[in-house]
PDB file of N, CA and C in Angstrom:
ATOM      1  N   MET A   1       0.849  -1.199   0.000  1.00  0.00           N
ATOM      2  CA  MET A   1       0.000   0.000   0.000  1.00  0.00           C
ATOM      3  C   MET A   1       0.884   1.250   0.000  1.00  0.00           C
ATOM      4  N   ALA A   2       0.595   2.155  -0.871  1.00  0.00           N
ATOM      5  CA  ALA A   2       1.408   3.356  -1.027  1.00  0.00           C
ATOM      6  C   ALA A   2       1.377   4.261   0.204  1.00  0.00           C
ATOM      7  N   HIS A   3       0.274   4.248   0.939  1.00  0.00           N
ATOM      8  CA  HIS A   3       0.181   5.160   2.082  1.00  0.00           C
ATOM      9  C   HIS A   3       0.980   4.704   3.303  1.00  0.00           C
ATOM     10  N   GLU A   4       1.638   3.538   3.216  1.00  0.00           N
ATOM     11  CA  GLU A   4       2.438   3.067   4.344  1.00  0.00           C
ATOM     12  C   GLU A   4       3.575   4.028   4.688  1.00  0.00           C
ATOM     13  N   GLN A   5       4.114   4.716   3.686  1.00  0.00           N
ATOM     14  CA  GLN A   5       5.191   5.678   3.941  1.00  0.00           C
ATOM     15  C   GLN A   5       4.697   6.889   4.726  1.00  0.00           C
ATOM     16  N   TYR A   6       3.401   7.047   4.820  1.00  0.00           N
ATOM     17  CA  TYR A   6       2.817   8.210   5.498  1.00  0.00           C
ATOM     18  C   TYR A   6       2.205   7.862   6.862  1.00  0.00           C
ATOM     19  N   GLN A   7       2.573   6.735   7.438  1.00  0.00           N
ATOM     20  CA  GLN A   7       1.937   6.294   8.682  1.00  0.00           C
ATOM     21  C   GLN A   7       2.056   7.332   9.798  1.00  0.00           C
ATOM     22  N   GLU A   8       3.220   7.914   9.979  1.00  0.00           N
ATOM     23  CA  GLU A   8       3.403   8.905  11.040  1.00  0.00           C
ATOM     24  C   GLU A   8       2.576  10.155  10.757  1.00  0.00           C
ATOM     25  N   LEU A   9       2.548  10.582   9.507  1.00  0.00           N
ATOM     26  CA  LEU A   9       1.740  11.739   9.129  1.00  0.00           C
ATOM     27  C   LEU A   9       0.260  11.460   9.359  1.00  0.00           C
ATOM     28  N   LEU A  10      -0.183  10.276   8.999  1.00  0.00           N
ATOM     29  CA  LEU A  10      -1.590   9.917   9.217  1.00  0.00           C
ATOM     30  C   LEU A  10      -1.956  10.009  10.695  1.00  0.00           C
ATOM     31  N   LYS A  11      -1.079   9.536  11.549  1.00  0.00           N
ATOM     32  CA  LYS A  11      -1.303   9.605  13.003  1.00  0.00           C
ATOM     33  C   LYS A  11      -1.366  11.066  13.460  1.00  0.00           C
ATOM     34  N   THR A  12      -0.447  11.883  12.978  1.00  0.00           N
ATOM     35  CA  THR A  12      -0.397  13.296  13.354  1.00  0.00           C
ATOM     36  C   THR A  12      -1.630  14.036  12.848  1.00  0.00           C
ATOM     37  N   LEU A  13      -2.048  13.750  11.629  1.00  0.00           N
ATOM     38  CA  LEU A  13      -3.255  14.366  11.076  1.00  0.00           C
ATOM     39  C   LEU A  13      -4.468  14.030  11.920  1.00  0.00           C
ATOM     40  N   HIS A  14      -4.574  12.762  12.303  1.00  0.00           N
ATOM     41  CA  HIS A  14      -5.725  12.336  13.097  1.00  0.00           C
ATOM     42  C   HIS A  14      -5.722  13.011  14.475  1.00  0.00           C
ATOM     43  N   GLU A  15      -4.565  13.101  15.086  1.00  0.00           N
ATOM     44  CA  GLU A  15      -4.465  13.762  16.392  1.00  0.00           C
ATOM     45  C   GLU A  15      -4.831  15.241  16.284  1.00  0.00           C
ATOM     46  N   CYS A  16      -4.404  15.887  15.219  1.00  0.00           N
ATOM     47  CA  CYS A  16      -4.726  17.293  15.009  1.00  0.00           C
ATOM     48  C   CYS A  16      -6.236  17.465  14.797  1.00  0.00           C
ATOM     49  N   MET A  17      -6.806  16.601  13.984  1.00  0.00           N
ATOM     50  CA  MET A  17      -8.243  16.657  13.738  1.00  0.00           C
ATOM     51  C   MET A  17      -9.028  16.508  15.038  1.00  0.00           C
ATOM     52  N   GLU A  18      -8.613  15.569  15.870  1.00  0.00           N
ATOM     53  CA  GLU A  18      -9.286  15.370  17.163  1.00  0.00           C
ATOM     54  C   GLU A  18      -9.124  16.591  18.062  1.00  0.00           C
ATOM     55  N   ALA A  19      -7.930  17.175  18.111  1.00  0.00           N
ATOM     56  CA  ALA A  19      -7.689  18.357  18.945  1.00  0.00           C
ATOM     57  C   ALA A  19      -8.535  19.531  18.464  1.00  0.00           C
ATOM     58  N   CYS A  20      -8.621  19.704  17.158  1.00  0.00           N
ATOM     59  CA  CYS A  20      -9.436  20.791  16.602  1.00  0.00           C
ATOM     60  C   CYS A  20     -10.921  20.574  16.880  1.00  0.00           C
ATOM     61  N   ASN A  21     -11.385  19.349  16.735  1.00  0.00           N
ATOM     62  CA  ASN A  21     -12.791  19.061  17.032  1.00  0.00           C
ATOM     63  C   ASN A  21     -13.099  19.292  18.505  1.00  0.00           C
ATOM     64  N   HIS A  22     -12.180  18.910  19.384  1.00  0.00           N
ATOM     65  CA  HIS A  22     -12.374  19.135  20.815  1.00  0.00           C
ATOM     66  C   HIS A  22     -12.398  20.635  21.107  1.00  0.00           C
ATOM     67  N   CYS A  23     -11.459  21.376  20.526  1.00  0.00           N
ATOM     68  CA  CYS A  23     -11.380  22.817  20.733  1.00  0.00           C
ATOM     69  C   CYS A  23     -12.646  23.494  20.214  1.00  0.00           C
ATOM     70  N   PHE A  24     -13.080  23.100  19.037  1.00  0.00           N
ATOM     71  CA  PHE A  24     -14.316  23.618  18.437  1.00  0.00           C
ATOM     72  C   PHE A  24     -15.489  23.457  19.404  1.00  0.00           C
ATOM     73  N   ASP A  25     -15.648  22.249  19.914  1.00  0.00           N
ATOM     74  CA  ASP A  25     -16.751  21.960  20.832  1.00  0.00           C
ATOM     75  C   ASP A  25     -16.622  22.765  22.130  1.00  0.00           C
ATOM     76  N   ALA A  26     -15.407  22.832  22.668  1.00  0.00           N
ATOM     77  CA  ALA A  26     -15.190  23.564  23.920  1.00  0.00           C
ATOM     78  C   ALA A  26     -15.397  25.069  23.719  1.00  0.00           C
ATOM     79  N   CYS A  27     -14.972  25.591  22.567  1.00  0.00           N
ATOM     80  CA  CYS A  27     -15.162  27.019  22.285  1.00  0.00           C
ATOM     81  C   CYS A  27     -16.645  27.389  22.243  1.00  0.00           C
ATOM     82  N   LEU A  28     -17.462  26.468  21.745  1.00  0.00           N
ATOM     83  CA  LEU A  28     -18.903  26.725  21.685  1.00  0.00           C
ATOM     84  C   LEU A  28     -19.513  26.877  23.073  1.00  0.00           C
ATOM     85  N   LYS A  29     -18.822  26.397  24.092  1.00  0.00           N
ATOM     86  CA  LYS A  29     -19.327  26.453  25.469  1.00  0.00           C
ATOM     87  C   LYS A  29     -18.740  27.621  26.255  1.00  0.00           C
ATOM     88  N   GLU A  30     -17.839  28.385  25.651  1.00  0.00           N
ATOM     89  CA  GLU A  30     -17.246  29.535  26.339  1.00  0.00           C
ATOM     90  C   GLU A  30     -18.266  30.660  26.444  1.00  0.00           C
ATOM     91  N   GLU A  31     -18.097  31.497  27.464  1.00  0.00           N
ATOM     92  CA  GLU A  31     -19.046  32.581  27.714  1.00  0.00           C
ATOM     93  C   GLU A  31     -19.063  33.608  26.589  1.00  0.00           C
ATOM     94  N   ASP A  32     -17.898  34.039  26.139  1.00  0.00           N
ATOM     95  CA  ASP A  32     -17.816  35.072  25.114  1.00  0.00           C
ATOM     96  C   ASP A  32     -17.660  34.435  23.739  1.00  0.00           C
ATOM     97  N   MET A  33     -18.775  34.010  23.176  1.00  0.00           N
ATOM     98  CA  MET A  33     -18.753  33.327  21.881  1.00  0.00           C
ATOM     99  C   MET A  33     -18.219  34.230  20.764  1.00  0.00           C
ATOM    100  N   LYS A  34     -18.526  35.511  20.840  1.00  0.00           N
ATOM    101  CA  LYS A  34     -18.069  36.421  19.793  1.00  0.00           C
ATOM    102  C   LYS A  34     -16.537  36.446  19.735  1.00  0.00           C
ATOM    103  N   MET A  35     -15.905  36.428  20.907  1.00  0.00           N
ATOM    104  CA  MET A  35     -14.445  36.427  20.973  1.00  0.00           C
ATOM    105  C   MET A  35     -13.867  35.129  20.394  1.00  0.00           C
ATOM    106  N   MET A  36     -14.620  34.047  20.456  1.00  0.00           N
ATOM    107  CA  MET A  36     -14.137  32.737  20.024  1.00  0.00           C
ATOM    108  C   MET A  36     -14.490  32.426  18.564  1.00  0.00           C
ATOM    109  N   ALA A  37     -15.176  33.330  17.888  1.00  0.00           N
ATOM    110  CA  ALA A  37     -15.693  33.043  16.541  1.00  0.00           C
ATOM    111  C   ALA A  37     -14.595  32.622  15.561  1.00  0.00           C
ATOM    112  N   GLU A  38     -13.498  33.358  15.530  1.00  0.00           N
ATOM    113  CA  GLU A  38     -12.424  33.031  14.583  1.00  0.00           C
ATOM    114  C   GLU A  38     -11.760  31.702  14.950  1.00  0.00           C
ATOM    115  N   CYS A  39     -11.639  31.444  16.234  1.00  0.00           N
ATOM    116  CA  CYS A  39     -11.072  30.174  16.692  1.00  0.00           C
ATOM    117  C   CYS A  39     -11.965  29.010  16.246  1.00  0.00           C
ATOM    118  N   ILE A  40     -13.246  29.169  16.431  1.00  0.00           N
ATOM    119  CA  ILE A  40     -14.203  28.139  16.026  1.00  0.00           C
ATOM    120  C   ILE A  40     -14.115  27.904  14.521  1.00  0.00           C
ATOM    121  N   ARG A  41     -14.089  28.983  13.741  1.00  0.00           N
ATOM    122  CA  ARG A  41     -14.028  28.871  12.285  1.00  0.00           C
ATOM    123  C   ARG A  41     -12.766  28.128  11.850  1.00  0.00           C
ATOM    124  N   LEU A  42     -11.621  28.510  12.417  1.00  0.00           N
ATOM    125  CA  LEU A  42     -10.362  27.871  12.028  1.00  0.00           C
ATOM    126  C   LEU A  42     -10.263  26.439  12.538  1.00  0.00           C
ATOM    127  N   ASP A  43     -10.844  26.154  13.698  1.00  0.00           N
ATOM    128  CA  ASP A  43     -10.896  24.764  14.172  1.00  0.00           C
ATOM    129  C   ASP A  43     -11.601  23.890  13.139  1.00  0.00           C
ATOM    130  N   ARG A  44     -12.721  24.379  12.599  1.00  0.00           N
ATOM    131  CA  ARG A  44     -13.475  23.612  11.602  1.00  0.00           C
ATOM    132  C   ARG A  44     -12.661  23.440  10.329  1.00  0.00           C
ATOM    133  N   GLU A  45     -12.065  24.534   9.854  1.00  0.00           N
ATOM    134  CA  GLU A  45     -11.258  24.479   8.635  1.00  0.00           C
ATOM    135  C   GLU A  45     -10.136  23.450   8.788  1.00  0.00           C
ATOM    136  N   CYS A  46      -9.452  23.524   9.917  1.00  0.00           N
ATOM    137  CA  CYS A  46      -8.298  22.662  10.147  1.00  0.00           C
ATOM    138  C   CYS A  46      -8.715  21.195  10.285  1.00  0.00           C
ATOM    139  N   ALA A  47      -9.736  20.933  11.072  1.00  0.00           N
ATOM    140  CA  ALA A  47     -10.201  19.552  11.240  1.00  0.00           C
ATOM    141  C   ALA A  47     -10.636  18.967   9.905  1.00  0.00           C
ATOM    142  N   ASP A  48     -11.359  19.760   9.119  1.00  0.00           N
ATOM    143  CA  ASP A  48     -11.825  19.272   7.821  1.00  0.00           C
ATOM    144  C   ASP A  48     -10.648  18.995   6.880  1.00  0.00           C
ATOM    145  N   MET A  49      -9.667  19.884   6.862  1.00  0.00           N
ATOM    146  CA  MET A  49      -8.521  19.702   5.967  1.00  0.00           C
ATOM    147  C   MET A  49      -7.687  18.495   6.385  1.00  0.00           C
ATOM    148  N   CYS A  50      -7.481  18.334   7.684  1.00  0.00           N
ATOM    149  CA  CYS A  50      -6.731  17.159   8.156  1.00  0.00           C
ATOM    150  C   CYS A  50      -7.441  15.870   7.760  1.00  0.00           C
ATOM    151  N   GLY A  51      -8.753  15.848   7.919  1.00  0.00           N
ATOM    152  CA  GLY A  51      -9.532  14.677   7.533  1.00  0.00           C
ATOM    153  C   GLY A  51      -9.472  14.424   6.036  1.00  0.00           C
ATOM    154  N   PHE A  52      -9.506  15.511   5.252  1.00  0.00           N
ATOM    155  CA  PHE A  52      -9.437  15.373   3.802  1.00  0.00           C
ATOM    156  C   PHE A  52      -8.077  14.831   3.372  1.00  0.00           C
ATOM    157  N   LEU A  53      -7.011  15.353   3.972  1.00  0.00           N
ATOM    158  CA  LEU A  53      -5.673  14.872   3.624  1.00  0.00           C
ATOM    159  C   LEU A  53      -5.504  13.414   4.046  1.00  0.00           C
ATOM    160  N   GLU A  54      -6.041  13.058   5.185  1.00  0.00           N
ATOM    161  CA  GLU A  54      -6.011  11.654   5.624  1.00  0.00           C
ATOM    162  C   GLU A  54      -6.647  10.757   4.559  1.00  0.00           C
ATOM    163  N   ALA A  55      -7.814  11.159   4.078  1.00  0.00           N
ATOM    164  CA  ALA A  55      -8.517  10.377   3.057  1.00  0.00           C
ATOM    165  C   ALA A  55      -7.729  10.357   1.751  1.00  0.00           C
ATOM    166  N   ALA A  56      -7.143  11.489   1.381  1.00  0.00           N
ATOM    167  CA  ALA A  56      -6.362  11.561   0.138  1.00  0.00           C
ATOM    168  C   ALA A  56      -5.171  10.613   0.188  1.00  0.00           C
ATOM    169  N   ILE A  57      -4.524  10.572   1.338  1.00  0.00           N
ATOM    170  CA  ILE A  57      -3.384   9.658   1.498  1.00  0.00           C
ATOM    171  C   ILE A  57      -3.853   8.214   1.396  1.00  0.00           C
ATOM    172  N   SER A  58      -4.968   7.894   2.027  1.00  0.00           N
ATOM    173  CA  SER A  58      -5.445   6.511   2.037  1.00  0.00           C
ATOM    174  C   SER A  58      -5.834   6.032   0.644  1.00  0.00           C
ATOM    175  N   ARG A  59      -6.205   6.958  -0.242  1.00  0.00           N
ATOM    176  CA  ARG A  59      -6.556   6.549  -1.611  1.00  0.00           C
ATOM    177  C   ARG A  59      -5.421   6.810  -2.601  1.00  0.00           C
ATOM    178  N   ASN A  60      -4.242   7.151  -2.061  1.00  0.00           N
ATOM    179  CA  ASN A  60      -3.042   7.362  -2.861  1.00  0.00           C
ATOM    180  C   ASN A  60      -3.236   8.460  -3.916  1.00  0.00           C
ATOM    181  N   SER A  61      -3.799   9.574  -3.484  1.00  0.00           N
ATOM    182  CA  SER A  61      -4.025  10.706  -4.375  1.00  0.00           C
ATOM    183  C   SER A  61      -2.697  11.192  -4.973  1.00  0.00           C
ATOM    184  N   PRO A  62      -2.721  11.622  -6.226  1.00  0.00           N
ATOM    185  CA  PRO A  62      -1.505  12.182  -6.814  1.00  0.00           C
ATOM    186  C   PRO A  62      -1.215  13.606  -6.311  1.00  0.00           C
ATOM    187  N   PHE A  63      -2.083  14.145  -5.474  1.00  0.00           N
ATOM    188  CA  PHE A  63      -1.948  15.522  -4.986  1.00  0.00           C
ATOM    189  C   PHE A  63      -1.551  15.606  -3.521  1.00  0.00           C
ATOM    190  N   ILE A  64      -1.021  14.543  -2.964  1.00  0.00           N
ATOM    191  CA  ILE A  64      -0.695  14.514  -1.539  1.00  0.00           C
ATOM    192  C   ILE A  64       0.246  15.655  -1.164  1.00  0.00           C
ATOM    193  N   ARG A  65       1.293  15.861  -1.915  1.00  0.00           N
ATOM    194  CA  ARG A  65       2.266  16.903  -1.580  1.00  0.00           C
ATOM    195  C   ARG A  65       1.614  18.289  -1.565  1.00  0.00           C
ATOM    196  N   GLN A  66       0.821  18.593  -2.579  1.00  0.00           N
ATOM    197  CA  GLN A  66       0.170  19.893  -2.655  1.00  0.00           C
ATOM    198  C   GLN A  66      -0.851  20.067  -1.536  1.00  0.00           C
ATOM    199  N   LEU A  67      -1.620  19.029  -1.285  1.00  0.00           N
ATOM    200  CA  LEU A  67      -2.619  19.094  -0.210  1.00  0.00           C
ATOM    201  C   LEU A  67      -1.944  19.248   1.156  1.00  0.00           C
ATOM    202  N   ALA A  68      -0.805  18.594   1.331  1.00  0.00           N
ATOM    203  CA  ALA A  68      -0.072  18.706   2.593  1.00  0.00           C
ATOM    204  C   ALA A  68       0.396  20.142   2.821  1.00  0.00           C
ATOM    205  N   GLN A  69       0.798  20.827   1.766  1.00  0.00           N
ATOM    206  CA  GLN A  69       1.242  22.218   1.912  1.00  0.00           C
ATOM    207  C   GLN A  69       0.075  23.123   2.309  1.00  0.00           C
ATOM    208  N   VAL A  70      -1.077  22.916   1.705  1.00  0.00           N
ATOM    209  CA  VAL A  70      -2.266  23.687   2.075  1.00  0.00           C
ATOM    210  C   VAL A  70      -2.651  23.361   3.512  1.00  0.00           C
ATOM    211  N   CYS A  71      -2.596  22.100   3.870  1.00  0.00           N
ATOM    212  CA  CYS A  71      -2.923  21.682   5.230  1.00  0.00           C
ATOM    213  C   CYS A  71      -1.989  22.358   6.230  1.00  0.00           C
ATOM    214  N   ALA A  72      -0.715  22.432   5.910  1.00  0.00           N
ATOM    215  CA  ALA A  72       0.251  23.086   6.795  1.00  0.00           C
ATOM    216  C   ALA A  72      -0.123  24.551   7.027  1.00  0.00           C
ATOM    217  N   GLU A  73      -0.521  25.240   5.967  1.00  0.00           N
ATOM    218  CA  GLU A  73      -0.913  26.646   6.088  1.00  0.00           C
ATOM    219  C   GLU A  73      -2.134  26.806   6.980  1.00  0.00           C
ATOM    220  N   ILE A  74      -3.115  25.938   6.806  1.00  0.00           N
ATOM    221  CA  ILE A  74      -4.333  26.008   7.609  1.00  0.00           C
ATOM    222  C   ILE A  74      -4.018  25.670   9.065  1.00  0.00           C
ATOM    223  N   CYS A  75      -3.195  24.657   9.291  1.00  0.00           N
ATOM    224  CA  CYS A  75      -2.804  24.288  10.653  1.00  0.00           C
ATOM    225  C   CYS A  75      -2.084  25.447  11.350  1.00  0.00           C
ATOM    226  N   GLU A  76      -1.200  26.112  10.624  1.00  0.00           N
ATOM    227  CA  GLU A  76      -0.476  27.243  11.203  1.00  0.00           C
ATOM    228  C   GLU A  76      -1.421  28.393  11.547  1.00  0.00           C
ATOM    229  N   ALA A  77      -2.386  28.665  10.682  1.00  0.00           N
ATOM    230  CA  ALA A  77      -3.365  29.722  10.959  1.00  0.00           C
ATOM    231  C   ALA A  77      -4.197  29.377  12.184  1.00  0.00           C
ATOM    232  N   CYS A  78      -4.591  28.119  12.297  1.00  0.00           N
ATOM    233  CA  CYS A  78      -5.381  27.676  13.448  1.00  0.00           C
ATOM    234  C   CYS A  78      -4.556  27.791  14.726  1.00  0.00           C
ATOM    235  N   ALA A  79      -3.314  27.364  14.662  1.00  0.00           N
ATOM    236  CA  ALA A  79      -2.432  27.448  15.835  1.00  0.00           C
ATOM    237  C   ALA A  79      -2.253  28.896  16.274  1.00  0.00           C
ATOM    238  N   GLU A  80      -2.044  29.780  15.317  1.00  0.00           N
ATOM    239  CA  GLU A  80      -1.852  31.197  15.627  1.00  0.00           C
ATOM    240  C   GLU A  80      -3.078  31.770  16.344  1.00  0.00           C
ATOM    241  N   GLU A  81      -4.251  31.420  15.861  1.00  0.00           N
ATOM    242  CA  GLU A  81      -5.481  31.912  16.496  1.00  0.00           C
ATOM    243  C   GLU A  81      -5.666  31.293  17.876  1.00  0.00           C
ATOM    244  N   CYS A  82      -5.456  29.996  17.987  1.00  0.00           N
ATOM    245  CA  CYS A  82      -5.644  29.322  19.280  1.00  0.00           C
ATOM    246  C   CYS A  82      -4.693  29.863  20.344  1.00  0.00           C
ATOM    247  N   ARG A  83      -3.485  30.229  19.938  1.00  0.00           N
ATOM    248  CA  ARG A  83      -2.507  30.771  20.895  1.00  0.00           C
ATOM    249  C   ARG A  83      -2.972  32.079  21.526  1.00  0.00           C
ATOM    250  N   LYS A  84      -3.899  32.768  20.893  1.00  0.00           N
ATOM    251  CA  LYS A  84      -4.409  34.040  21.424  1.00  0.00           C
ATOM    252  C   LYS A  84      -5.305  33.843  22.644  1.00  0.00           C
ATOM    253  N   HIS A  85      -5.741  32.622  22.867  1.00  0.00           N
ATOM    254  CA  HIS A  85      -6.700  32.329  23.937  1.00  0.00           C
ATOM    255  C   HIS A  85      -6.027  31.501  25.030  1.00  0.00           C
ATOM    256  N   ASP A  86      -6.340  31.835  26.267  1.00  0.00           N
ATOM    257  CA  ASP A  86      -5.706  31.166  27.412  1.00  0.00           C
ATOM    258  C   ASP A  86      -6.323  29.818  27.764  1.00  0.00           C
ATOM    259  N   HIS A  87      -7.423  29.476  27.146  1.00  0.00           N
ATOM    260  CA  HIS A  87      -8.097  28.217  27.482  1.00  0.00           C
ATOM    261  C   HIS A  87      -7.175  27.033  27.199  1.00  0.00           C
ATOM    262  N   GLU A  88      -7.219  26.051  28.074  1.00  0.00           N
ATOM    263  CA  GLU A  88      -6.364  24.873  27.912  1.00  0.00           C
ATOM    264  C   GLU A  88      -6.632  24.166  26.582  1.00  0.00           C
ATOM    265  N   HIS A  89      -7.906  24.071  26.201  1.00  0.00           N
ATOM    266  CA  HIS A  89      -8.226  23.388  24.933  1.00  0.00           C
ATOM    267  C   HIS A  89      -7.621  24.126  23.747  1.00  0.00           C
ATOM    268  N   CYS A  90      -7.558  25.438  23.812  1.00  0.00           N
ATOM    269  CA  CYS A  90      -6.948  26.211  22.722  1.00  0.00           C
ATOM    270  C   CYS A  90      -5.436  25.997  22.683  1.00  0.00           C
ATOM    271  N   GLN A  91      -4.805  25.981  23.847  1.00  0.00           N
ATOM    272  CA  GLN A  91      -3.355  25.785  23.882  1.00  0.00           C
ATOM    273  C   GLN A  91      -2.970  24.396  23.390  1.00  0.00           C
ATOM    274  N   LYS A  92      -3.739  23.375  23.771  1.00  0.00           N
ATOM    275  CA  LYS A  92      -3.465  22.011  23.301  1.00  0.00           C
ATOM    276  C   LYS A  92      -3.701  21.893  21.803  1.00  0.00           C
ATOM    277  N   CYS A  93      -4.713  22.578  21.319  1.00  0.00           N
ATOM    278  CA  CYS A  93      -5.001  22.569  19.892  1.00  0.00           C
ATOM    279  C   CYS A  93      -3.854  23.230  19.128  1.00  0.00           C
ATOM    280  N   ALA A  94      -3.364  24.348  19.640  1.00  0.00           N
ATOM    281  CA  ALA A  94      -2.251  25.044  18.992  1.00  0.00           C
ATOM    282  C   ALA A  94      -1.029  24.133  18.877  1.00  0.00           C
ATOM    283  N   GLU A  95      -0.749  23.387  19.932  1.00  0.00           N
ATOM    284  CA  GLU A  95       0.387  22.453  19.911  1.00  0.00           C
ATOM    285  C   GLU A  95       0.193  21.384  18.841  1.00  0.00           C
ATOM    286  N   ALA A  96      -0.995  20.795  18.812  1.00  0.00           N
ATOM    287  CA  ALA A  96      -1.283  19.741  17.834  1.00  0.00           C
ATOM    288  C   ALA A  96      -1.206  20.290  16.414  1.00  0.00           C
ATOM    289  N   CYS A  97      -1.690  21.506  16.227  1.00  0.00           N
ATOM    290  CA  CYS A  97      -1.667  22.122  14.887  1.00  0.00           C
ATOM    291  C   CYS A  97      -0.239  22.398  14.433  1.00  0.00           C
ATOM    292  N   MET A  98       0.604  22.870  15.318  1.00  0.00           N
ATOM    293  CA  MET A  98       1.989  23.147  14.927  1.00  0.00           C
ATOM    294  C   MET A  98       2.740  21.850  14.617  1.00  0.00           C
ATOM    295  N   LYS A  99       2.491  20.820  15.381  1.00  0.00           N
ATOM    296  CA  LYS A  99       3.107  19.517  15.115  1.00  0.00           C
ATOM    297  C   LYS A  99       2.646  19.000  13.737  1.00  0.00           C
ATOM    298  N   CYS A 100       1.383  19.168  13.452  1.00  0.00           N
ATOM    299  CA  CYS A 100       0.831  18.714  12.178  1.00  0.00           C
ATOM    300  C   CYS A 100       1.374  19.553  11.027  1.00  0.00           C
ATOM    301  N   ALA A 101       1.451  20.853  11.211  1.00  0.00           N
ATOM    302  CA  ALA A 101       2.004  21.721  10.165  1.00  0.00           C
ATOM    303  C   ALA A 101       3.428  21.319   9.815  1.00  0.00           C
ATOM    304  N   GLU A 102       4.206  21.041  10.825  1.00  0.00           N
ATOM    305  CA  GLU A 102       5.588  20.622  10.593  1.00  0.00           C
ATOM    306  C   GLU A 102       5.651  19.316   9.818  1.00  0.00           C
ATOM    307  N   ALA A 103       4.808  18.363  10.216  1.00  0.00           N
ATOM    308  CA  ALA A 103       4.776  17.065   9.527  1.00  0.00           C
ATOM    309  C   ALA A 103       4.337  17.245   8.072  1.00  0.00           C
ATOM    310  N   CYS A 104       3.381  18.111   7.849  1.00  0.00           N
ATOM    311  CA  CYS A 104       2.903  18.353   6.479  1.00  0.00           C
ATOM    312  C   CYS A 104       3.969  19.028   5.635  1.00  0.00           C
ATOM    313  N   ARG A 105       4.729  19.938   6.227  1.00  0.00           N
ATOM    314  CA  ARG A 105       5.784  20.639   5.488  1.00  0.00           C
ATOM    315  C   ARG A 105       6.900  19.678   5.078  1.00  0.00           C
ATOM    316  N   ASN A 106       7.025  18.555   5.793  1.00  0.00           N
ATOM    317  CA  ASN A 106       8.077  17.588   5.493  1.00  0.00           C
ATOM    318  C   ASN A 106       7.695  16.574   4.423  1.00  0.00           C
ATOM    319  N   VAL A 107       6.476  16.662   3.897  1.00  0.00           N
ATOM    320  CA  VAL A 107       6.055  15.747   2.845  1.00  0.00           C
ATOM    321  C   VAL A 107       6.779  16.118   1.555  1.00  0.00           C
ATOM    322  N   THR A 108       7.381  15.117   0.931  1.00  0.00           N
ATOM    323  CA  THR A 108       8.119  15.397  -0.316  1.00  0.00           C
ATOM    324  C   THR A 108       7.499  14.640  -1.476  1.00  0.00           C
TER     325      THR A 108
END
């Protein structure tokens, strides 16, 4: 299977997707929803992109490298936004996003 070379990336993508989904859900429960709007939006974007790249890898898409670069950009944007918030779920999400961005940037 061609996606065997991407096993570590697949794991990182899945962890990032889970962290973003958790952050998204937790942000919806925060008191100041307006302040969390951009975080919520980027959590969704990032989780969706990580899931899409996971699926692309599993079907051996010819666009894995390009999709990984876009995923890295989205992960970095999500991390940057999450870092603005002191909530533990945001900080953990930022860490997962930066780890994922790095892994995506290393796809050749």
